[in-house]
Amino acid sequence: MIKRSVYLVSAIILMAVIAFGALKFWDKDKLSGSSISAETSSEEALETSVKKMEGLEFAQSVPEDASEATVTAMMHKMTHQKVIASEKWGIIQMDQESISKAKQLLQASDFNSKEELLEIISRWEKGKFDQVDDDHNFIWELQGGSIGRATGILTEQQEQQFIENNFSN
């Protein structure tokens, strides 16, 4: 009877050790696969972030009585010049003319997010783009974004490549 109990306890312990080892091995493979995938995604996002895009628009084409959705779409498209994202749909050049137009529209509005958007546009007007990725994601979330979250900010060289690819004649 005692031998049988010892064998039973030993078998349970052995099965637990094997199960624990298998789980550890599986988690290690799963984690290493995720990091490779994340690296690839980052590289692909960067490549996507500087390439020539479709959907060039101009700030002056936005009407004076534009809706909040139109102004947020305009600002969102402006950020594409400066951010790293896996997907970007539409672009408007981030220049003083576009920034001024957005600010003018915001100041004349009664939008729900007016204060937050004015804070963003005021930073841009001063040439402060150190949190443009967060600005992008705030606007993107206002629009109900699900694909194309900004994951960083382009370097000056990368932004210049984006500008040459998209705004040079």
Protein backbone atom coordinates (compact mmCIF):
# COMPACT_ATOMS: atom_id res chain seq x y z
CA MET A 1 0.00 0.00 0.00
CA ILE A 2 2.81 2.42 0.89
CA LYS A 3 4.70 1.49 -2.30
CA ARG A 4 1.61 2.22 -4.34
CA SER A 5 1.21 5.68 -2.69
CA VAL A 6 4.90 6.48 -3.29
CA TYR A 7 4.55 5.52 -6.99
CA LEU A 8 1.38 7.61 -7.32
CA VAL A 9 2.93 10.70 -5.69
CA SER A 10 6.10 10.27 -7.77
CA ALA A 11 4.06 9.99 -10.98
CA ILE A 12 2.08 13.15 -10.11
CA ILE A 13 5.27 15.10 -9.35
CA LEU A 14 6.90 13.86 -12.58
CA MET A 15 3.84 14.92 -14.63
CA ALA A 16 3.83 18.34 -12.95
CA VAL A 17 7.54 18.85 -13.73
CA ILE A 18 7.01 17.83 -17.36
CA ALA A 19 3.98 20.12 -17.70
CA PHE A 20 5.85 23.04 -16.11
CA GLY A 21 8.83 22.50 -18.43
CA ALA A 22 6.59 22.30 -21.48
CA LEU A 23 4.86 25.55 -20.53
CA LYS A 24 8.17 27.33 -20.00
CA PHE A 25 9.45 26.09 -23.36
CA TRP A 26 6.24 27.13 -25.13
CA ASP A 27 6.27 30.62 -23.54
CA LYS A 28 9.91 31.12 -24.55
CA ASP A 29 9.11 30.26 -28.18
CA LYS A 30 6.01 32.42 -28.12
CA LEU A 31 7.92 35.41 -26.71
CA SER A 32 10.85 35.13 -29.10
CA GLY A 33 8.44 34.90 -32.05
CA SER A 34 6.67 38.04 -30.84
CA SER A 35 9.87 40.05 -30.66
CA ILE A 36 10.85 39.05 -34.20
CA SER A 37 7.39 39.97 -35.39
CA ALA A 38 7.54 43.31 -33.55
CA GLU A 39 10.92 44.11 -35.13
CA THR A 40 9.59 43.29 -38.58
CA SER A 41 6.50 45.38 -37.94
CA SER A 42 8.63 48.35 -36.88
CA GLU A 43 10.79 48.09 -39.98
CA GLU A 44 7.74 47.75 -42.21
CA ALA A 45 6.04 50.67 -40.47
CA LEU A 46 9.11 52.85 -41.02
CA GLU A 47 9.28 51.85 -44.68
CA THR A 48 5.58 52.65 -45.09
CA SER A 49 6.05 55.94 -43.27
CA VAL A 50 8.39 57.51 -45.82
CA LYS A 51 7.09 56.11 -49.12
CA LYS A 52 5.00 57.95 -51.70
CA MET A 53 1.36 57.98 -50.69
CA GLU A 54 -1.94 58.43 -52.44
CA GLY A 55 -4.50 60.99 -51.39
CA LEU A 56 -2.60 64.30 -51.44
CA GLU A 57 -4.94 67.08 -50.37
CA PHE A 58 -4.49 70.78 -49.72
CA ALA A 59 -5.51 72.75 -46.65
CA GLN A 60 -6.98 75.54 -48.75
CA SER A 61 -9.57 73.08 -50.09
CA VAL A 62 -11.09 72.75 -46.60
CA PRO A 63 -14.19 75.00 -46.44
CA GLU A 64 -14.51 77.78 -43.86
CA ASP A 65 -17.57 76.10 -42.32
CA ALA A 66 -15.86 72.71 -42.01
CA SER A 67 -17.22 70.22 -39.50
CA GLU A 68 -15.20 68.87 -36.58
CA ALA A 69 -14.74 65.61 -38.50
CA THR A 70 -13.30 67.50 -41.47
CA VAL A 71 -10.88 69.54 -39.35
CA THR A 72 -9.70 66.49 -37.38
CA ALA A 73 -9.22 64.61 -40.66
CA MET A 74 -7.17 67.54 -41.95
CA MET A 75 -4.96 67.61 -38.85
CA HIS A 76 -4.63 63.83 -38.90
CA LYS A 77 -3.42 63.90 -42.51
CA MET A 78 -0.93 66.64 -41.61
CA THR A 79 0.68 64.43 -38.94
CA HIS A 80 1.46 61.75 -41.53
CA GLN A 81 4.44 63.85 -42.64
CA LYS A 82 6.04 63.44 -39.22
CA VAL A 83 5.03 60.08 -37.72
CA ILE A 84 5.87 56.41 -38.07
CA ALA A 85 2.74 54.32 -38.58
CA SER A 86 2.00 50.99 -40.24
CA GLU A 87 -0.84 52.55 -42.26
CA LYS A 88 -1.37 56.12 -43.44
CA TRP A 89 -4.37 57.25 -45.46
CA GLY A 90 -4.21 60.69 -47.00
CA ILE A 91 -1.72 63.51 -46.61
CA ILE A 92 -1.72 67.26 -46.25
CA GLN A 93 1.62 69.03 -46.04
CA MET A 94 2.46 70.20 -42.52
CA ASP A 95 3.44 73.76 -43.36
CA GLN A 96 2.63 77.21 -41.94
CA GLU A 97 -0.27 77.64 -44.37
CA SER A 98 -1.94 74.38 -43.29
CA ILE A 99 -1.29 75.04 -39.60
CA SER A 100 -2.75 78.57 -39.89
CA LYS A 101 -5.80 77.28 -41.73
CA ALA A 102 -6.45 74.62 -39.06
CA LYS A 103 -6.01 77.17 -36.27
CA GLN A 104 -8.38 79.61 -37.96
CA LEU A 105 -11.04 76.90 -38.34
CA LEU A 106 -10.62 75.78 -34.73
CA GLN A 107 -10.82 79.30 -33.30
CA ALA A 108 -14.10 79.93 -35.14
CA SER A 109 -15.60 76.61 -34.02
CA ASP A 110 -17.55 75.23 -31.10
CA PHE A 111 -16.18 71.68 -31.52
CA ASN A 112 -16.28 69.23 -28.62
CA SER A 113 -12.49 68.84 -28.74
CA LYS A 114 -11.74 72.48 -29.56
CA GLU A 115 -9.46 73.15 -26.58
CA GLU A 116 -7.36 70.01 -27.03
CA LEU A 117 -7.03 70.58 -30.79
CA LEU A 118 -6.08 74.25 -30.27
CA GLU A 119 -3.40 73.15 -27.81
CA ILE A 120 -2.00 70.77 -30.44
CA ILE A 121 -2.12 73.31 -33.26
CA SER A 122 -0.48 75.96 -31.04
CA ARG A 123 2.47 73.61 -30.43
CA TRP A 124 2.77 72.96 -34.15
CA GLU A 125 2.61 76.69 -34.88
CA LYS A 126 5.66 77.13 -32.61
CA GLY A 127 7.49 74.33 -34.42
CA LYS A 128 7.20 71.94 -31.47
CA PHE A 129 6.73 68.44 -32.85
CA ASP A 130 8.32 66.40 -30.06
CA GLN A 131 4.98 64.78 -29.26
CA VAL A 132 3.43 64.75 -32.72
CA ASP A 133 3.02 60.97 -32.46
CA ASP A 134 0.85 61.46 -29.37
CA ASP A 135 -1.01 64.25 -31.20
CA HIS A 136 -1.60 61.87 -34.11
CA ASN A 137 -2.93 59.17 -31.81
CA PHE A 138 -5.22 61.59 -29.95
CA ILE A 139 -6.74 62.76 -33.25
CA TRP A 140 -6.80 59.18 -34.58
CA GLU A 141 -8.73 58.07 -31.49
CA LEU A 142 -11.21 60.95 -31.92
CA GLN A 143 -11.84 59.53 -35.37
CA GLY A 144 -12.32 56.00 -34.01
CA GLY A 145 -9.03 54.74 -35.44
CA SER A 146 -8.25 51.05 -35.33
CA ILE A 147 -5.36 50.67 -37.81
CA GLY A 148 -2.36 52.93 -38.19
CA ARG A 149 -1.53 54.01 -34.64
CA ALA A 150 1.64 56.13 -34.63
CA THR A 151 4.57 54.32 -33.05
CA GLY A 152 7.16 57.06 -33.22
CA ILE A 153 8.40 60.22 -34.91
CA LEU A 154 10.37 60.30 -38.16
CA THR A 155 13.91 61.65 -38.00
CA GLU A 156 14.60 64.86 -39.92
CA GLN A 157 16.14 62.82 -42.74
CA GLN A 158 13.17 60.45 -42.88
CA GLU A 159 10.74 63.38 -42.90
CA GLN A 160 12.73 65.01 -45.69
CA GLN A 161 12.49 61.77 -47.69
CA PHE A 162 8.71 61.74 -47.07
CA ILE A 163 8.45 65.37 -48.25
CA GLU A 164 10.51 64.67 -51.38
CA ASN A 165 8.44 61.57 -52.15
CA ASN A 166 5.10 63.28 -51.67
CA PHE A 167 5.26 67.05 -52.05
CA SER A 168 8.06 67.72 -54.56
CA ASN A 169 7.08 68.32 -58.15
